[in-house]
Amino acid sequence: MHRQKHLRRKQIRKIKGDKEKKERITAEEGRDRKKEIRNQSECVPIEEDEEEEEEEEEEEEKKEEEKEEEEVSNEAR
């Protein structure tokens, strides 16, 4: 009985250790990905930044127009 209890605890500790190891590995991978993204964004040419800003502004304008149309349609009801 004591032996079974000991083995069960040992197994639980092993499982917890494996989970923690996986979490550490995924956290390290996440940090590495963030670093890569930062490095890539720093290397982006200025022209692409301007294009992205213009696209974002256009999207924002479209969203604002849609909101206004929804408000008008709601008021009409």
N, C-alpha and C. Protein backbone atom coordinates (compact mmCIF):
# COMPACT_ATOMS: atom_id res chain seq x y z
N MET A 1 0.82 -1.19 0.00
CA MET A 1 0.00 0.00 0.00
C MET A 1 0.88 1.26 0.00
N HIS A 2 1.86 1.27 0.89
CA HIS A 2 2.75 2.42 0.95
C HIS A 2 3.49 2.57 -0.38
N ARG A 3 3.89 1.48 -0.98
CA ARG A 3 4.63 1.51 -2.25
C ARG A 3 3.75 2.10 -3.35
N GLN A 4 2.50 1.74 -3.39
CA GLN A 4 1.59 2.28 -4.40
C GLN A 4 1.44 3.79 -4.25
N LYS A 5 1.29 4.22 -3.02
CA LYS A 5 1.15 5.64 -2.74
C LYS A 5 2.40 6.39 -3.20
N HIS A 6 3.56 5.80 -2.90
CA HIS A 6 4.83 6.41 -3.30
C HIS A 6 4.92 6.51 -4.82
N LEU A 7 4.58 5.44 -5.52
CA LEU A 7 4.66 5.44 -6.99
C LEU A 7 3.68 6.45 -7.59
N ARG A 8 2.50 6.54 -7.01
CA ARG A 8 1.50 7.48 -7.52
C ARG A 8 2.01 8.92 -7.38
N ARG A 9 2.59 9.25 -6.21
CA ARG A 9 3.12 10.59 -6.00
C ARG A 9 4.26 10.87 -6.97
N LYS A 10 5.10 9.86 -7.18
CA LYS A 10 6.22 10.01 -8.10
C LYS A 10 5.70 10.29 -9.51
N GLN A 11 4.66 9.56 -9.90
CA GLN A 11 4.07 9.74 -11.23
C GLN A 11 3.47 11.15 -11.36
N ILE A 12 2.79 11.62 -10.33
CA ILE A 12 2.20 12.95 -10.35
C ILE A 12 3.28 14.01 -10.48
N ARG A 13 4.37 13.85 -9.73
CA ARG A 13 5.47 14.82 -9.81
C ARG A 13 6.06 14.84 -11.21
N LYS A 14 6.17 13.67 -11.83
CA LYS A 14 6.73 13.58 -13.18
C LYS A 14 5.81 14.31 -14.17
N ILE A 15 4.51 14.09 -14.04
CA ILE A 15 3.56 14.75 -14.94
C ILE A 15 3.63 16.25 -14.77
N LYS A 16 3.66 16.73 -13.53
CA LYS A 16 3.75 18.17 -13.28
C LYS A 16 5.04 18.73 -13.85
N GLY A 17 6.13 18.00 -13.69
CA GLY A 17 7.41 18.45 -14.22
C GLY A 17 7.38 18.56 -15.73
N ASP A 18 6.74 17.59 -16.39
CA ASP A 18 6.62 17.63 -17.85
C ASP A 18 5.81 18.84 -18.29
N LYS A 19 4.72 19.12 -17.58
CA LYS A 19 3.89 20.28 -17.93
C LYS A 19 4.67 21.57 -17.77
N GLU A 20 5.40 21.68 -16.66
CA GLU A 20 6.18 22.90 -16.43
C GLU A 20 7.26 23.06 -17.50
N LYS A 21 7.86 21.96 -17.89
CA LYS A 21 8.89 22.01 -18.92
C LYS A 21 8.29 22.49 -20.24
N LYS A 22 7.11 21.96 -20.58
CA LYS A 22 6.45 22.39 -21.81
C LYS A 22 6.11 23.88 -21.75
N GLU A 23 5.62 24.33 -20.59
CA GLU A 23 5.28 25.74 -20.45
C GLU A 23 6.51 26.62 -20.61
N ARG A 24 7.63 26.18 -20.04
CA ARG A 24 8.86 26.96 -20.17
C ARG A 24 9.29 27.02 -21.62
N ILE A 25 9.21 25.89 -22.30
CA ILE A 25 9.63 25.85 -23.70
C ILE A 25 8.75 26.76 -24.54
N THR A 26 7.43 26.70 -24.35
CA THR A 26 6.54 27.55 -25.14
C THR A 26 6.76 29.02 -24.82
N ALA A 27 7.05 29.33 -23.57
CA ALA A 27 7.32 30.72 -23.20
C ALA A 27 8.59 31.21 -23.89
N GLU A 28 9.60 30.36 -23.92
CA GLU A 28 10.85 30.74 -24.59
C GLU A 28 10.61 30.93 -26.08
N GLU A 29 9.81 30.05 -26.69
CA GLU A 29 9.51 30.19 -28.11
C GLU A 29 8.76 31.49 -28.36
N GLY A 30 7.83 31.81 -27.47
CA GLY A 30 7.08 33.05 -27.61
C GLY A 30 7.98 34.26 -27.55
N ARG A 31 8.92 34.24 -26.62
CA ARG A 31 9.88 35.36 -26.52
C ARG A 31 10.71 35.46 -27.78
N ASP A 32 11.15 34.30 -28.29
CA ASP A 32 11.94 34.31 -29.52
C ASP A 32 11.14 34.88 -30.68
N ARG A 33 9.87 34.50 -30.77
CA ARG A 33 9.02 35.01 -31.86
C ARG A 33 8.86 36.52 -31.74
N LYS A 34 8.66 37.00 -30.51
CA LYS A 34 8.51 38.44 -30.32
C LYS A 34 9.77 39.17 -30.76
N LYS A 35 10.93 38.62 -30.40
CA LYS A 35 12.19 39.25 -30.79
C LYS A 35 12.32 39.28 -32.31
N GLU A 36 11.95 38.17 -32.97
CA GLU A 36 12.03 38.12 -34.43
C GLU A 36 11.11 39.16 -35.05
N ILE A 37 9.90 39.27 -34.51
CA ILE A 37 8.95 40.23 -35.05
C ILE A 37 9.48 41.65 -34.88
N ARG A 38 10.05 41.94 -33.72
CA ARG A 38 10.62 43.28 -33.48
C ARG A 38 11.75 43.55 -34.48
N ASN A 39 12.62 42.57 -34.67
CA ASN A 39 13.73 42.74 -35.59
C ASN A 39 13.22 42.96 -37.01
N GLN A 40 12.20 42.22 -37.39
CA GLN A 40 11.65 42.38 -38.74
C GLN A 40 11.00 43.74 -38.89
N SER A 41 10.27 44.18 -37.87
CA SER A 41 9.58 45.47 -37.97
C SER A 41 10.59 46.62 -38.01
N GLU A 42 11.73 46.45 -37.37
CA GLU A 42 12.76 47.48 -37.41
C GLU A 42 13.39 47.57 -38.79
N CYS A 43 13.40 46.47 -39.52
CA CYS A 43 14.02 46.43 -40.83
C CYS A 43 13.06 46.81 -41.96
N VAL A 44 11.80 47.09 -41.65
CA VAL A 44 10.81 47.39 -42.68
C VAL A 44 11.14 48.74 -43.31
N PRO A 45 11.13 48.80 -44.63
CA PRO A 45 11.38 50.07 -45.30
C PRO A 45 10.29 51.09 -44.98
N ILE A 46 10.64 52.35 -45.08
CA ILE A 46 9.73 53.44 -44.73
C ILE A 46 8.51 53.44 -45.65
N GLU A 47 8.69 53.12 -46.93
CA GLU A 47 7.59 53.14 -47.89
C GLU A 47 6.46 52.22 -47.44
N GLU A 48 6.79 51.03 -46.95
CA GLU A 48 5.77 50.09 -46.52
C GLU A 48 5.02 50.64 -45.32
N ASP A 49 5.71 51.32 -44.42
CA ASP A 49 5.06 51.91 -43.25
C ASP A 49 4.00 52.93 -43.69
N GLU A 50 4.36 53.76 -44.67
CA GLU A 50 3.42 54.77 -45.13
C GLU A 50 2.19 54.12 -45.76
N GLU A 51 2.40 53.06 -46.54
CA GLU A 51 1.29 52.37 -47.17
C GLU A 51 0.38 51.75 -46.11
N GLU A 52 0.97 51.17 -45.10
CA GLU A 52 0.19 50.55 -44.03
C GLU A 52 -0.63 51.61 -43.30
N GLU A 53 -0.04 52.76 -43.05
CA GLU A 53 -0.75 53.83 -42.36
C GLU A 53 -1.94 54.30 -43.19
N GLU A 54 -1.74 54.44 -44.50
CA GLU A 54 -2.83 54.87 -45.38
C GLU A 54 -3.95 53.83 -45.36
N GLU A 55 -3.60 52.55 -45.42
CA GLU A 55 -4.61 51.50 -45.40
C GLU A 55 -5.38 51.52 -44.08
N GLU A 56 -4.68 51.71 -42.98
CA GLU A 56 -5.34 51.76 -41.68
C GLU A 56 -6.30 52.94 -41.60
N GLU A 57 -5.88 54.09 -42.13
CA GLU A 57 -6.74 55.27 -42.11
C GLU A 57 -8.00 55.01 -42.93
N GLU A 58 -7.84 54.37 -44.10
CA GLU A 58 -8.99 54.07 -44.95
C GLU A 58 -9.95 53.13 -44.22
N GLU A 59 -9.41 52.12 -43.55
CA GLU A 59 -10.25 51.18 -42.81
C GLU A 59 -11.01 51.90 -41.70
N GLU A 60 -10.34 52.79 -40.99
CA GLU A 60 -10.99 53.55 -39.92
C GLU A 60 -12.13 54.41 -40.48
N GLU A 61 -11.88 55.05 -41.63
CA GLU A 61 -12.92 55.87 -42.24
C GLU A 61 -14.13 55.02 -42.62
N LYS A 62 -13.88 53.83 -43.18
CA LYS A 62 -14.97 52.94 -43.56
C LYS A 62 -15.78 52.53 -42.33
N LYS A 63 -15.08 52.22 -41.24
CA LYS A 63 -15.77 51.82 -40.01
C LYS A 63 -16.64 52.97 -39.49
N GLU A 64 -16.12 54.19 -39.54
CA GLU A 64 -16.87 55.34 -39.07
C GLU A 64 -18.12 55.55 -39.93
N GLU A 65 -17.96 55.40 -41.25
CA GLU A 65 -19.10 55.56 -42.15
C GLU A 65 -20.16 54.50 -41.86
N GLU A 66 -19.73 53.26 -41.62
CA GLU A 66 -20.67 52.19 -41.32
C GLU A 66 -21.42 52.47 -40.03
N LYS A 67 -20.71 52.98 -39.01
CA LYS A 67 -21.36 53.32 -37.75
C LYS A 67 -22.41 54.40 -37.97
N GLU A 68 -22.06 55.42 -38.74
CA GLU A 68 -23.01 56.50 -39.01
C GLU A 68 -24.24 55.97 -39.73
N GLU A 69 -24.04 55.09 -40.72
CA GLU A 69 -25.16 54.51 -41.45
C GLU A 69 -26.05 53.70 -40.52
N GLU A 70 -25.45 52.95 -39.61
CA GLU A 70 -26.23 52.17 -38.66
C GLU A 70 -27.04 53.08 -37.76
N GLU A 71 -26.44 54.18 -37.29
CA GLU A 71 -27.15 55.12 -36.44
C GLU A 71 -28.34 55.73 -37.18
N VAL A 72 -28.13 56.09 -38.44
CA VAL A 72 -29.20 56.68 -39.23
C VAL A 72 -30.33 55.66 -39.42
N SER A 73 -29.98 54.43 -39.72
CA SER A 73 -31.00 53.41 -39.93
C SER A 73 -31.74 53.11 -38.62
N ASN A 74 -31.04 53.14 -37.49
CA ASN A 74 -31.68 52.93 -36.20
C ASN A 74 -32.64 54.08 -35.87
N GLU A 75 -32.25 55.30 -36.20
CA GLU A 75 -33.11 56.44 -35.94
C GLU A 75 -34.34 56.42 -36.83
N ALA A 76 -34.17 55.93 -38.05
CA ALA A 76 -35.29 55.86 -38.99
C ALA A 76 -36.34 54.86 -38.51
N ARG A 77 -35.93 53.86 -37.81
CA ARG A 77 -36.87 52.86 -37.30
C ARG A 77 -37.69 53.49 -36.24
